[in-house]
Each structure stands twice: as C-alpha cells, then as structure tokens.
PDB file of N, CA and C in Angstrom:
ATOM      1  N   UNK A   1     -27.930   0.639  14.965  1.00  0.00           N
ATOM      2  CA  UNK A   1     -27.322  -0.075  13.849  1.00  0.00           C
ATOM      3  C   UNK A   1     -27.009   0.930  12.749  1.00  0.00           C
ATOM      4  N   UNK A   2     -25.808   0.870  12.245  1.00  0.00           N
ATOM      5  CA  UNK A   2     -25.392   1.733  11.141  1.00  0.00           C
ATOM      6  C   UNK A   2     -25.389   0.916   9.863  1.00  0.00           C
ATOM      7  N   UNK A   3     -25.774   1.543   8.759  1.00  0.00           N
ATOM      8  CA  UNK A   3     -25.688   0.848   7.484  1.00  0.00           C
ATOM      9  C   UNK A   3     -25.529   1.843   6.356  1.00  0.00           C
ATOM     10  N   UNK A   4     -24.923   1.373   5.289  1.00  0.00           N
ATOM     11  CA  UNK A   4     -24.691   2.172   4.092  1.00  0.00           C
ATOM     12  C   UNK A   4     -24.594   1.216   2.912  1.00  0.00           C
ATOM     13  N   UNK A   5     -25.300   1.524   1.844  1.00  0.00           N
ATOM     14  CA  UNK A   5     -25.196   0.755   0.603  1.00  0.00           C
ATOM     15  C   UNK A   5     -25.001   1.714  -0.546  1.00  0.00           C
ATOM     16  N   UNK A   6     -24.022   1.419  -1.409  1.00  0.00           N
ATOM     17  CA  UNK A   6     -23.774   2.248  -2.594  1.00  0.00           C
ATOM     18  C   UNK A   6     -24.922   2.127  -3.590  1.00  0.00           C
ATOM     19  N   UNK A   7     -25.441   0.911  -3.708  1.00  0.00           N
ATOM     20  CA  UNK A   7     -26.510   0.621  -4.664  1.00  0.00           C
ATOM     21  C   UNK A   7     -27.496  -0.319  -3.996  1.00  0.00           C
ATOM     22  N   UNK A   8     -28.389  -0.859  -4.760  1.00  0.00           N
ATOM     23  CA  UNK A   8     -29.324  -1.865  -4.251  1.00  0.00           C
ATOM     24  C   UNK A   8     -28.541  -3.094  -3.781  1.00  0.00           C
ATOM     25  N   UNK A   9     -29.016  -3.737  -2.742  1.00  0.00           N
ATOM     26  CA  UNK A   9     -28.352  -4.925  -2.218  1.00  0.00           C
ATOM     27  C   UNK A   9     -28.409  -6.029  -3.275  1.00  0.00           C
ATOM     28  N   UNK A  10     -27.254  -6.606  -3.629  1.00  0.00           N
ATOM     29  CA  UNK A  10     -27.268  -7.715  -4.589  1.00  0.00           C
ATOM     30  C   UNK A  10     -28.037  -8.906  -4.016  1.00  0.00           C
ATOM     31  N   UNK A  11     -28.512  -9.754  -4.867  1.00  0.00           N
ATOM     32  CA  UNK A  11     -29.253 -10.930  -4.410  1.00  0.00           C
ATOM     33  C   UNK A  11     -28.415 -12.197  -4.470  1.00  0.00           C
ATOM     34  N   UNK A  12     -27.269 -12.150  -5.143  1.00  0.00           N
ATOM     35  CA  UNK A  12     -26.434 -13.339  -5.267  1.00  0.00           C
ATOM     36  C   UNK A  12     -25.010 -12.968  -5.663  1.00  0.00           C
ATOM     37  N   UNK A  13     -24.100 -13.878  -5.373  1.00  0.00           N
ATOM     38  CA  UNK A  13     -22.705 -13.813  -5.832  1.00  0.00           C
ATOM     39  C   UNK A  13     -21.979 -12.520  -5.489  1.00  0.00           C
ATOM     40  N   UNK A  14     -21.812 -12.287  -4.192  1.00  0.00           N
ATOM     41  CA  UNK A  14     -20.960 -11.216  -3.706  1.00  0.00           C
ATOM     42  C   UNK A  14     -20.319 -11.717  -2.415  1.00  0.00           C
ATOM     43  N   UNK A  15     -19.495 -10.906  -1.797  1.00  0.00           N
ATOM     44  CA  UNK A  15     -18.744 -11.342  -0.625  1.00  0.00           C
ATOM     45  C   UNK A  15     -19.067 -10.476   0.585  1.00  0.00           C
ATOM     46  N   UNK A  16     -18.996 -11.115   1.745  1.00  0.00           N
ATOM     47  CA  UNK A  16     -19.176 -10.415   3.015  1.00  0.00           C
ATOM     48  C   UNK A  16     -17.922 -10.640   3.856  1.00  0.00           C
ATOM     49  N   UNK A  17     -17.373  -9.552   4.388  1.00  0.00           N
ATOM     50  CA  UNK A  17     -16.261  -9.645   5.327  1.00  0.00           C
ATOM     51  C   UNK A  17     -16.819  -9.312   6.704  1.00  0.00           C
ATOM     52  N   UNK A  18     -16.775 -10.278   7.602  1.00  0.00           N
ATOM     53  CA  UNK A  18     -17.273 -10.106   8.963  1.00  0.00           C
ATOM     54  C   UNK A  18     -16.104  -9.761   9.872  1.00  0.00           C
ATOM     55  N   UNK A  19     -16.266  -8.683  10.620  1.00  0.00           N
ATOM     56  CA  UNK A  19     -15.241  -8.232  11.563  1.00  0.00           C
ATOM     57  C   UNK A  19     -15.900  -8.182  12.931  1.00  0.00           C
ATOM     58  N   UNK A  20     -15.562  -9.152  13.774  1.00  0.00           N
ATOM     59  CA  UNK A  20     -16.133  -9.263  15.109  1.00  0.00           C
ATOM     60  C   UNK A  20     -15.078  -8.784  16.092  1.00  0.00           C
ATOM     61  N   UNK A  21     -15.459  -7.923  17.011  1.00  0.00           N
ATOM     62  CA  UNK A  21     -14.443  -7.339  17.883  1.00  0.00           C
ATOM     63  C   UNK A  21     -14.959  -7.085  19.291  1.00  0.00           C
ATOM     64  N   UNK A  22     -14.007  -7.041  20.204  1.00  0.00           N
ATOM     65  CA  UNK A  22     -14.222  -6.539  21.553  1.00  0.00           C
ATOM     66  C   UNK A  22     -13.217  -5.414  21.749  1.00  0.00           C
ATOM     67  N   UNK A  23     -13.729  -4.211  21.954  1.00  0.00           N
ATOM     68  CA  UNK A  23     -12.859  -3.047  22.106  1.00  0.00           C
ATOM     69  C   UNK A  23     -12.223  -3.020  23.490  1.00  0.00           C
ATOM     70  N   UNK A  24     -11.007  -2.494  23.522  1.00  0.00           N
ATOM     71  CA  UNK A  24     -10.304  -2.329  24.794  1.00  0.00           C
ATOM     72  C   UNK A  24     -10.783  -1.038  25.463  1.00  0.00           C
ATOM     73  N   UNK A  25     -10.191  -0.721  26.580  1.00  0.00           N
ATOM     74  CA  UNK A  25     -10.520   0.529  27.270  1.00  0.00           C
ATOM     75  C   UNK A  25      -9.733   1.705  26.690  1.00  0.00           C
ATOM     76  N   UNK A  26      -8.663   1.437  25.934  1.00  0.00           N
ATOM     77  CA  UNK A  26      -7.832   2.480  25.336  1.00  0.00           C
ATOM     78  C   UNK A  26      -8.306   2.761  23.907  1.00  0.00           C
ATOM     79  N   UNK A  27      -9.201   3.715  23.756  1.00  0.00           N
ATOM     80  CA  UNK A  27      -9.761   4.033  22.443  1.00  0.00           C
ATOM     81  C   UNK A  27      -9.278   5.387  21.919  1.00  0.00           C
ATOM     82  N   UNK A  28      -8.153   5.848  22.399  1.00  0.00           N
ATOM     83  CA  UNK A  28      -7.585   7.120  21.961  1.00  0.00           C
ATOM     84  C   UNK A  28      -7.344   7.089  20.444  1.00  0.00           C
ATOM     85  N   UNK A  29      -8.007   7.963  19.702  1.00  0.00           N
ATOM     86  CA  UNK A  29      -7.863   8.046  18.257  1.00  0.00           C
ATOM     87  C   UNK A  29      -8.763   7.115  17.465  1.00  0.00           C
ATOM     88  N   UNK A  30      -9.492   6.241  18.147  1.00  0.00           N
ATOM     89  CA  UNK A  30     -10.335   5.232  17.490  1.00  0.00           C
ATOM     90  C   UNK A  30     -11.430   5.866  16.627  1.00  0.00           C
ATOM     91  N   UNK A  31     -12.187   6.782  17.188  1.00  0.00           N
ATOM     92  CA  UNK A  31     -13.322   7.379  16.470  1.00  0.00           C
ATOM     93  C   UNK A  31     -12.864   8.107  15.213  1.00  0.00           C
ATOM     94  N   UNK A  32     -11.762   8.817  15.307  1.00  0.00           N
ATOM     95  CA  UNK A  32     -11.248   9.561  14.156  1.00  0.00           C
ATOM     96  C   UNK A  32     -10.808   8.613  13.040  1.00  0.00           C
ATOM     97  N   UNK A  33     -10.105   7.543  13.407  1.00  0.00           N
ATOM     98  CA  UNK A  33      -9.650   6.575  12.408  1.00  0.00           C
ATOM     99  C   UNK A  33     -10.832   5.837  11.802  1.00  0.00           C
ATOM    100  N   UNK A  34     -11.821   5.503  12.618  1.00  0.00           N
ATOM    101  CA  UNK A  34     -13.019   4.828  12.127  1.00  0.00           C
ATOM    102  C   UNK A  34     -13.697   5.681  11.057  1.00  0.00           C
ATOM    103  N   UNK A  35     -13.844   6.964  11.329  1.00  0.00           N
ATOM    104  CA  UNK A  35     -14.479   7.872  10.371  1.00  0.00           C
ATOM    105  C   UNK A  35     -13.663   7.972   9.079  1.00  0.00           C
ATOM    106  N   UNK A  36     -12.342   8.095   9.203  1.00  0.00           N
ATOM    107  CA  UNK A  36     -11.483   8.205   8.014  1.00  0.00           C
ATOM    108  C   UNK A  36     -11.548   6.949   7.145  1.00  0.00           C
ATOM    109  N   UNK A  37     -11.506   5.780   7.785  1.00  0.00           N
ATOM    110  CA  UNK A  37     -11.523   4.550   6.991  1.00  0.00           C
ATOM    111  C   UNK A  37     -12.883   4.329   6.333  1.00  0.00           C
ATOM    112  N   UNK A  38     -13.961   4.663   7.025  1.00  0.00           N
ATOM    113  CA  UNK A  38     -15.295   4.519   6.423  1.00  0.00           C
ATOM    114  C   UNK A  38     -15.426   5.425   5.203  1.00  0.00           C
ATOM    115  N   UNK A  39     -14.994   6.649   5.325  1.00  0.00           N
ATOM    116  CA  UNK A  39     -15.101   7.578   4.189  1.00  0.00           C
ATOM    117  C   UNK A  39     -14.248   7.125   3.009  1.00  0.00           C
ATOM    118  N   UNK A  40     -13.076   6.585   3.288  1.00  0.00           N
ATOM    119  CA  UNK A  40     -12.200   6.133   2.197  1.00  0.00           C
ATOM    120  C   UNK A  40     -12.745   4.883   1.515  1.00  0.00           C
ATOM    121  N   UNK A  41     -13.206   3.898   2.305  1.00  0.00           N
ATOM    122  CA  UNK A  41     -13.670   2.649   1.696  1.00  0.00           C
ATOM    123  C   UNK A  41     -14.914   2.880   0.832  1.00  0.00           C
ATOM    124  N   UNK A  42     -15.709   3.869   1.163  1.00  0.00           N
ATOM    125  CA  UNK A  42     -16.897   4.167   0.346  1.00  0.00           C
ATOM    126  C   UNK A  42     -16.529   4.511  -1.090  1.00  0.00           C
ATOM    127  N   UNK A  43     -15.288   4.957  -1.318  1.00  0.00           N
ATOM    128  CA  UNK A  43     -14.825   5.335  -2.652  1.00  0.00           C
ATOM    129  C   UNK A  43     -14.194   4.176  -3.414  1.00  0.00           C
ATOM    130  N   UNK A  44     -13.973   3.053  -2.752  1.00  0.00           N
ATOM    131  CA  UNK A  44     -13.284   1.922  -3.365  1.00  0.00           C
ATOM    132  C   UNK A  44     -14.145   1.210  -4.390  1.00  0.00           C
ATOM    133  N   UNK A  45     -13.547   0.927  -5.547  1.00  0.00           N
ATOM    134  CA  UNK A  45     -14.224   0.122  -6.561  1.00  0.00           C
ATOM    135  C   UNK A  45     -14.412  -1.283  -6.005  1.00  0.00           C
ATOM    136  N   UNK A  46     -15.594  -1.818  -6.159  1.00  0.00           N
ATOM    137  CA  UNK A  46     -15.899  -3.152  -5.657  1.00  0.00           C
ATOM    138  C   UNK A  46     -16.514  -3.171  -4.276  1.00  0.00           C
ATOM    139  N   UNK A  47     -16.427  -2.055  -3.545  1.00  0.00           N
ATOM    140  CA  UNK A  47     -17.065  -1.966  -2.234  1.00  0.00           C
ATOM    141  C   UNK A  47     -18.547  -1.694  -2.446  1.00  0.00           C
ATOM    142  N   UNK A  48     -19.402  -2.512  -1.844  1.00  0.00           N
ATOM    143  CA  UNK A  48     -20.852  -2.391  -2.046  1.00  0.00           C
ATOM    144  C   UNK A  48     -21.562  -1.709  -0.888  1.00  0.00           C
ATOM    145  N   UNK A  49     -21.040  -1.889   0.330  1.00  0.00           N
ATOM    146  CA  UNK A  49     -21.702  -1.290   1.481  1.00  0.00           C
ATOM    147  C   UNK A  49     -21.297  -1.974   2.770  1.00  0.00           C
ATOM    148  N   UNK A  50     -21.969  -1.581   3.853  1.00  0.00           N
ATOM    149  CA  UNK A  50     -21.663  -2.181   5.154  1.00  0.00           C
ATOM    150  C   UNK A  50     -22.866  -2.075   6.080  1.00  0.00           C
ATOM    151  N   UNK A  51     -22.799  -2.875   7.126  1.00  0.00           N
ATOM    152  CA  UNK A  51     -23.737  -2.795   8.240  1.00  0.00           C
ATOM    153  C   UNK A  51     -22.920  -3.033   9.506  1.00  0.00           C
ATOM    154  N   UNK A  52     -23.283  -2.367  10.585  1.00  0.00           N
ATOM    155  CA  UNK A  52     -22.567  -2.594  11.841  1.00  0.00           C
ATOM    156  C   UNK A  52     -23.499  -2.414  13.020  1.00  0.00           C
ATOM    157  N   UNK A  53     -23.122  -3.075  14.090  1.00  0.00           N
ATOM    158  CA  UNK A  53     -23.886  -2.977  15.323  1.00  0.00           C
ATOM    159  C   UNK A  53     -22.923  -3.116  16.495  1.00  0.00           C
ATOM    160  N   UNK A  54     -23.192  -2.375  17.565  1.00  0.00           N
ATOM    161  CA  UNK A  54     -22.358  -2.436  18.764  1.00  0.00           C
ATOM    162  C   UNK A  54     -23.238  -2.708  19.973  1.00  0.00           C
ATOM    163  N   UNK A  55     -22.675  -3.463  20.905  1.00  0.00           N
ATOM    164  CA  UNK A  55     -23.338  -3.741  22.179  1.00  0.00           C
ATOM    165  C   UNK A  55     -22.260  -3.727  23.248  1.00  0.00           C
ATOM    166  N   UNK A  56     -22.242  -2.679  24.048  1.00  0.00           N
ATOM    167  CA  UNK A  56     -21.164  -2.542  25.026  1.00  0.00           C
ATOM    168  C   UNK A  56     -19.837  -2.399  24.304  1.00  0.00           C
ATOM    169  N   UNK A  57     -18.868  -3.242  24.668  1.00  0.00           N
ATOM    170  CA  UNK A  57     -17.555  -3.213  24.020  1.00  0.00           C
ATOM    171  C   UNK A  57     -17.488  -4.116  22.793  1.00  0.00           C
ATOM    172  N   UNK A  58     -18.531  -4.893  22.539  1.00  0.00           N
ATOM    173  CA  UNK A  58     -18.551  -5.826  21.415  1.00  0.00           C
ATOM    174  C   UNK A  58     -19.156  -5.180  20.178  1.00  0.00           C
ATOM    175  N   UNK A  59     -18.617  -5.547  19.025  1.00  0.00           N
ATOM    176  CA  UNK A  59     -19.146  -5.011  17.783  1.00  0.00           C
ATOM    177  C   UNK A  59     -19.057  -6.021  16.656  1.00  0.00           C
ATOM    178  N   UNK A  60     -19.952  -5.856  15.698  1.00  0.00           N
ATOM    179  CA  UNK A  60     -19.934  -6.634  14.461  1.00  0.00           C
ATOM    180  C   UNK A  60     -20.000  -5.644  13.319  1.00  0.00           C
ATOM    181  N   UNK A  61     -19.017  -5.703  12.441  1.00  0.00           N
ATOM    182  CA  UNK A  61     -18.972  -4.855  11.254  1.00  0.00           C
ATOM    183  C   UNK A  61     -18.913  -5.790  10.056  1.00  0.00           C
ATOM    184  N   UNK A  62     -19.875  -5.672   9.151  1.00  0.00           N
ATOM    185  CA  UNK A  62     -19.911  -6.502   7.951  1.00  0.00           C
ATOM    186  C   UNK A  62     -19.777  -5.588   6.744  1.00  0.00           C
ATOM    187  N   UNK A  63     -18.737  -5.808   5.957  1.00  0.00           N
ATOM    188  CA  UNK A  63     -18.600  -5.059   4.713  1.00  0.00           C
ATOM    189  C   UNK A  63     -18.906  -6.000   3.562  1.00  0.00           C
ATOM    190  N   UNK A  64     -19.485  -5.434   2.503  1.00  0.00           N
ATOM    191  CA  UNK A  64     -19.913  -6.220   1.350  1.00  0.00           C
ATOM    192  C   UNK A  64     -19.114  -5.798   0.127  1.00  0.00           C
ATOM    193  N   UNK A  65     -18.701  -6.799  -0.659  1.00  0.00           N
ATOM    194  CA  UNK A  65     -17.789  -6.578  -1.771  1.00  0.00           C
ATOM    195  C   UNK A  65     -18.236  -7.341  -3.008  1.00  0.00           C
ATOM    196  N   UNK A  66     -17.919  -6.795  -4.163  1.00  0.00           N
ATOM    197  CA  UNK A  66     -18.271  -7.424  -5.437  1.00  0.00           C
ATOM    198  C   UNK A  66     -17.433  -8.668  -5.713  1.00  0.00           C
ATOM    199  N   UNK A  67     -16.161  -8.660  -5.265  1.00  0.00           N
ATOM    200  CA  UNK A  67     -15.260  -9.769  -5.585  1.00  0.00           C
ATOM    201  C   UNK A  67     -14.085  -9.798  -4.617  1.00  0.00           C
ATOM    202  N   UNK A  68     -13.341 -10.901  -4.665  1.00  0.00           N
ATOM    203  CA  UNK A  68     -12.182 -11.069  -3.785  1.00  0.00           C
ATOM    204  C   UNK A  68     -11.057 -10.099  -4.130  1.00  0.00           C
ATOM    205  N   UNK A  69     -10.920  -9.735  -5.393  1.00  0.00           N
ATOM    206  CA  UNK A  69      -9.870  -8.802  -5.803  1.00  0.00           C
ATOM    207  C   UNK A  69     -10.045  -7.456  -5.103  1.00  0.00           C
ATOM    208  N   UNK A  70     -11.271  -6.996  -4.991  1.00  0.00           N
ATOM    209  CA  UNK A  70     -11.544  -5.729  -4.302  1.00  0.00           C
ATOM    210  C   UNK A  70     -11.198  -5.821  -2.819  1.00  0.00           C
ATOM    211  N   UNK A  71     -11.519  -6.945  -2.216  1.00  0.00           N
ATOM    212  CA  UNK A  71     -11.180  -7.166  -0.802  1.00  0.00           C
ATOM    213  C   UNK A  71      -9.662  -7.141  -0.636  1.00  0.00           C
ATOM    214  N   UNK A  72      -8.939  -7.781  -1.518  1.00  0.00           N
ATOM    215  CA  UNK A  72      -7.472  -7.818  -1.436  1.00  0.00           C
ATOM    216  C   UNK A  72      -6.870  -6.424  -1.601  1.00  0.00           C
ATOM    217  N   UNK A  73      -7.422  -5.613  -2.499  1.00  0.00           N
ATOM    218  CA  UNK A  73      -6.919  -4.235  -2.662  1.00  0.00           C
ATOM    219  C   UNK A  73      -7.121  -3.441  -1.382  1.00  0.00           C
ATOM    220  N   UNK A  74      -8.299  -3.555  -0.759  1.00  0.00           N
ATOM    221  CA  UNK A  74      -8.581  -2.834   0.477  1.00  0.00           C
ATOM    222  C   UNK A  74      -7.676  -3.335   1.605  1.00  0.00           C
ATOM    223  N   UNK A  75      -7.437  -4.641   1.634  1.00  0.00           N
ATOM    224  CA  UNK A  75      -6.587  -5.230   2.662  1.00  0.00           C
ATOM    225  C   UNK A  75      -5.186  -4.612   2.640  1.00  0.00           C
ATOM    226  N   UNK A  76      -4.708  -4.213   1.460  1.00  0.00           N
ATOM    227  CA  UNK A  76      -3.362  -3.649   1.294  1.00  0.00           C
ATOM    228  C   UNK A  76      -3.339  -2.119   1.315  1.00  0.00           C
ATOM    229  N   UNK A  77      -4.499  -1.477   1.452  1.00  0.00           N
ATOM    230  CA  UNK A  77      -4.578  -0.017   1.483  1.00  0.00           C
ATOM    231  C   UNK A  77      -3.798   0.519   2.686  1.00  0.00           C
ATOM    232  N   UNK A  78      -3.018   1.594   2.475  1.00  0.00           N
ATOM    233  CA  UNK A  78      -2.149   2.111   3.534  1.00  0.00           C
ATOM    234  C   UNK A  78      -2.933   2.604   4.755  1.00  0.00           C
ATOM    235  N   UNK A  79      -4.059   3.303   4.549  1.00  0.00           N
ATOM    236  CA  UNK A  79      -4.853   3.765   5.692  1.00  0.00           C
ATOM    237  C   UNK A  79      -5.457   2.582   6.438  1.00  0.00           C
ATOM    238  N   UNK A  80      -5.955   1.606   5.704  1.00  0.00           N
ATOM    239  CA  UNK A  80      -6.530   0.415   6.326  1.00  0.00           C
ATOM    240  C   UNK A  80      -5.468  -0.336   7.126  1.00  0.00           C
ATOM    241  N   UNK A  81      -4.253  -0.456   6.580  1.00  0.00           N
ATOM    242  CA  UNK A  81      -3.167  -1.120   7.294  1.00  0.00           C
ATOM    243  C   UNK A  81      -2.794  -0.353   8.564  1.00  0.00           C
ATOM    244  N   UNK A  82      -2.784   0.963   8.485  1.00  0.00           N
ATOM    245  CA  UNK A  82      -2.504   1.784   9.667  1.00  0.00           C
ATOM    246  C   UNK A  82      -3.564   1.550  10.742  1.00  0.00           C
ATOM    247  N   UNK A  83      -4.830   1.528  10.340  1.00  0.00           N
ATOM    248  CA  UNK A  83      -5.926   1.296  11.286  1.00  0.00           C
ATOM    249  C   UNK A  83      -5.789  -0.080  11.938  1.00  0.00           C
ATOM    250  N   UNK A  84      -5.451  -1.094  11.137  1.00  0.00           N
ATOM    251  CA  UNK A  84      -5.286  -2.443  11.690  1.00  0.00           C
ATOM    252  C   UNK A  84      -4.138  -2.480  12.712  1.00  0.00           C
ATOM    253  N   UNK A  85      -3.049  -1.808  12.397  1.00  0.00           N
ATOM    254  CA  UNK A  85      -1.914  -1.797  13.328  1.00  0.00           C
ATOM    255  C   UNK A  85      -2.280  -1.159  14.664  1.00  0.00           C
ATOM    256  N   UNK A  86      -2.998  -0.028  14.629  1.00  0.00           N
ATOM    257  CA  UNK A  86      -3.458   0.587  15.869  1.00  0.00           C
ATOM    258  C   UNK A  86      -4.438  -0.340  16.593  1.00  0.00           C
ATOM    259  N   UNK A  87      -5.301  -0.989  15.821  1.00  0.00           N
ATOM    260  CA  UNK A  87      -6.264  -1.913  16.415  1.00  0.00           C
ATOM    261  C   UNK A  87      -5.591  -3.031  17.185  1.00  0.00           C
ATOM    262  N   UNK A  88      -4.583  -3.656  16.556  1.00  0.00           N
ATOM    263  CA  UNK A  88      -3.852  -4.742  17.219  1.00  0.00           C
ATOM    264  C   UNK A  88      -3.105  -4.226  18.447  1.00  0.00           C
ATOM    265  N   UNK A  89      -2.537  -3.029  18.335  1.00  0.00           N
ATOM    266  CA  UNK A  89      -1.690  -2.499  19.402  1.00  0.00           C
ATOM    267  C   UNK A  89      -2.475  -1.992  20.610  1.00  0.00           C
ATOM    268  N   UNK A  90      -3.668  -1.392  20.363  1.00  0.00           N
ATOM    269  CA  UNK A  90      -4.331  -0.789  21.524  1.00  0.00           C
ATOM    270  C   UNK A  90      -5.855  -0.799  21.532  1.00  0.00           C
ATOM    271  N   UNK A  91      -6.539  -0.833  20.403  1.00  0.00           N
ATOM    272  CA  UNK A  91      -7.988  -0.622  20.407  1.00  0.00           C
ATOM    273  C   UNK A  91      -8.825  -1.868  20.653  1.00  0.00           C
ATOM    274  N   UNK A  92      -8.269  -3.053  20.392  1.00  0.00           N
ATOM    275  CA  UNK A  92      -9.068  -4.278  20.496  1.00  0.00           C
ATOM    276  C   UNK A  92      -8.443  -5.277  21.450  1.00  0.00           C
ATOM    277  N   UNK A  93      -9.292  -5.918  22.237  1.00  0.00           N
ATOM    278  CA  UNK A  93      -8.875  -7.045  23.060  1.00  0.00           C
ATOM    279  C   UNK A  93      -9.095  -8.362  22.317  1.00  0.00           C
ATOM    280  N   UNK A  94     -10.018  -8.347  21.343  1.00  0.00           N
ATOM    281  CA  UNK A  94     -10.343  -9.559  20.572  1.00  0.00           C
ATOM    282  C   UNK A  94     -10.774  -9.155  19.175  1.00  0.00           C
ATOM    283  N   UNK A  95     -10.297  -9.900  18.188  1.00  0.00           N
ATOM    284  CA  UNK A  95     -10.680  -9.672  16.791  1.00  0.00           C
ATOM    285  C   UNK A  95     -10.903 -11.010  16.093  1.00  0.00           C
ATOM    286  N   UNK A  96     -11.923 -11.068  15.262  1.00  0.00           N
ATOM    287  CA  UNK A  96     -12.140 -12.210  14.373  1.00  0.00           C
ATOM    288  C   UNK A  96     -12.524 -11.623  13.021  1.00  0.00           C
ATOM    289  N   UNK A  97     -11.850 -12.069  11.969  1.00  0.00           N
ATOM    290  CA  UNK A  97     -12.197 -11.651  10.610  1.00  0.00           C
ATOM    291  C   UNK A  97     -12.542 -12.902   9.819  1.00  0.00           C
ATOM    292  N   UNK A  98     -13.674 -12.849   9.114  1.00  0.00           N
ATOM    293  CA  UNK A  98     -14.109 -13.969   8.287  1.00  0.00           C
ATOM    294  C   UNK A  98     -14.567 -13.422   6.943  1.00  0.00           C
ATOM    295  N   UNK A  99     -14.266 -14.152   5.872  1.00  0.00           N
ATOM    296  CA  UNK A  99     -14.720 -13.770   4.537  1.00  0.00           C
ATOM    297  C   UNK A  99     -15.622 -14.881   4.028  1.00  0.00           C
ATOM    298  N   UNK A 100     -16.813 -14.479   3.589  1.00  0.00           N
ATOM    299  CA  UNK A 100     -17.811 -15.446   3.142  1.00  0.00           C
ATOM    300  C   UNK A 100     -18.330 -15.066   1.759  1.00  0.00           C
ATOM    301  N   UNK A 101     -18.572 -16.059   0.934  1.00  0.00           N
ATOM    302  CA  UNK A 101     -19.238 -15.808  -0.338  1.00  0.00           C
ATOM    303  C   UNK A 101     -20.746 -15.901  -0.089  1.00  0.00           C
ATOM    304  N   UNK A 102     -21.469 -14.902  -0.564  1.00  0.00           N
ATOM    305  CA  UNK A 102     -22.923 -14.878  -0.400  1.00  0.00           C
ATOM    306  C   UNK A 102     -23.539 -15.441  -1.679  1.00  0.00           C
ATOM    307  N   UNK A 103     -24.210 -16.571  -1.535  1.00  0.00           N
ATOM    308  CA  UNK A 103     -24.852 -17.211  -2.676  1.00  0.00           C
ATOM    309  C   UNK A 103     -26.302 -16.782  -2.839  1.00  0.00           C
ATOM    310  N   UNK A 104     -26.867 -16.239  -1.766  1.00  0.00           N
ATOM    311  CA  UNK A 104     -28.267 -15.825  -1.795  1.00  0.00           C
ATOM    312  C   UNK A 104     -28.477 -14.741  -0.754  1.00  0.00           C
ATOM    313  N   UNK A 105     -29.252 -13.727  -1.113  1.00  0.00           N
ATOM    314  CA  UNK A 105     -29.583 -12.659  -0.184  1.00  0.00           C
ATOM    315  C   UNK A 105     -30.972 -12.130  -0.500  1.00  0.00           C
ATOM    316  N   UNK A 106     -31.763 -11.936   0.535  1.00  0.00           N
ATOM    317  CA  UNK A 106     -33.090 -11.368   0.363  1.00  0.00           C
ATOM    318  C   UNK A 106     -33.350 -10.445   1.537  1.00  0.00           C
ATOM    319  N   UNK A 107     -33.876  -9.262   1.264  1.00  0.00           N
ATOM    320  CA  UNK A 107     -34.162  -8.304   2.322  1.00  0.00           C
ATOM    321  C   UNK A 107     -35.665  -8.096   2.433  1.00  0.00           C
ATOM    322  N   UNK A 108     -36.144  -8.061   3.659  1.00  0.00           N
ATOM    323  CA  UNK A 108     -37.540  -7.753   3.943  1.00  0.00           C
ATOM    324  C   UNK A 108     -37.556  -6.514   4.837  1.00  0.00           C
ATOM    325  N   UNK A 109     -38.351  -5.532   4.478  1.00  0.00           N
ATOM    326  CA  UNK A 109     -38.498  -4.326   5.296  1.00  0.00           C
ATOM    327  C   UNK A 109     -39.980  -4.084   5.527  1.00  0.00           C
ATOM    328  N   UNK A 110     -40.360  -3.891   6.754  1.00  0.00           N
ATOM    329  CA  UNK A 110     -41.750  -3.593   7.068  1.00  0.00           C
ATOM    330  C   UNK A 110     -41.926  -2.098   7.035  1.00  0.00           C
TER     331      UNK A 110
END
C-alpha cells in the first residue's frame, strides 16, 4: 500500500476522489506517467494526499482534497488530461471515478 499526506489527516469536511481500475496488458509508458502525475499533484494547492493499493491488475487510488475547486483545477490540468487520454486508449480495461465528501475521519495506528 502506498500513501502520502502533505499534512495531518483532516478529521472532517474534505473530499475523496476514488479511482477504481483494472489495468490492461498494454502498460507501455504507464509507470513513467504515473510517477510524473504523482509528483505534479503533490504541488497542487488543495491536494491533501493519497492512498493506493493494487491487487493483480486491479487498483484503488484515493486522492484527498480540501475542496471541489481544487479537484476541478486538477481535472483540467494538461498533464492529468494527457494521462487520462492514454488511460482510456490503452492502459485500462475498466475505470470508475467517484467523488465523495468526507464528513468524518478517524485514524487508528497500532
């Protein structure tokens, strides 16, 4: 499981973008684009962090955001749009994107 948080995890009133995917067999350029987009989004105002997990060809990537405006700016980012176009064309067999408002969050670590 990969994770990154810019700051402490908020406890209320932020957004989660869930990206559920099944990767195709054609992953040419995927790893490089994944690295570039992760590094760029870390610099975005309003981006709080992410968590991801992969199992075989299936993956769940959750990004966390301060507000919908920040999500909309990232959605229109040229690198992000390029990555999405490659994803639709060759990297994914299945994609689901969901945006949720988080009203409550609590983390427990042993």
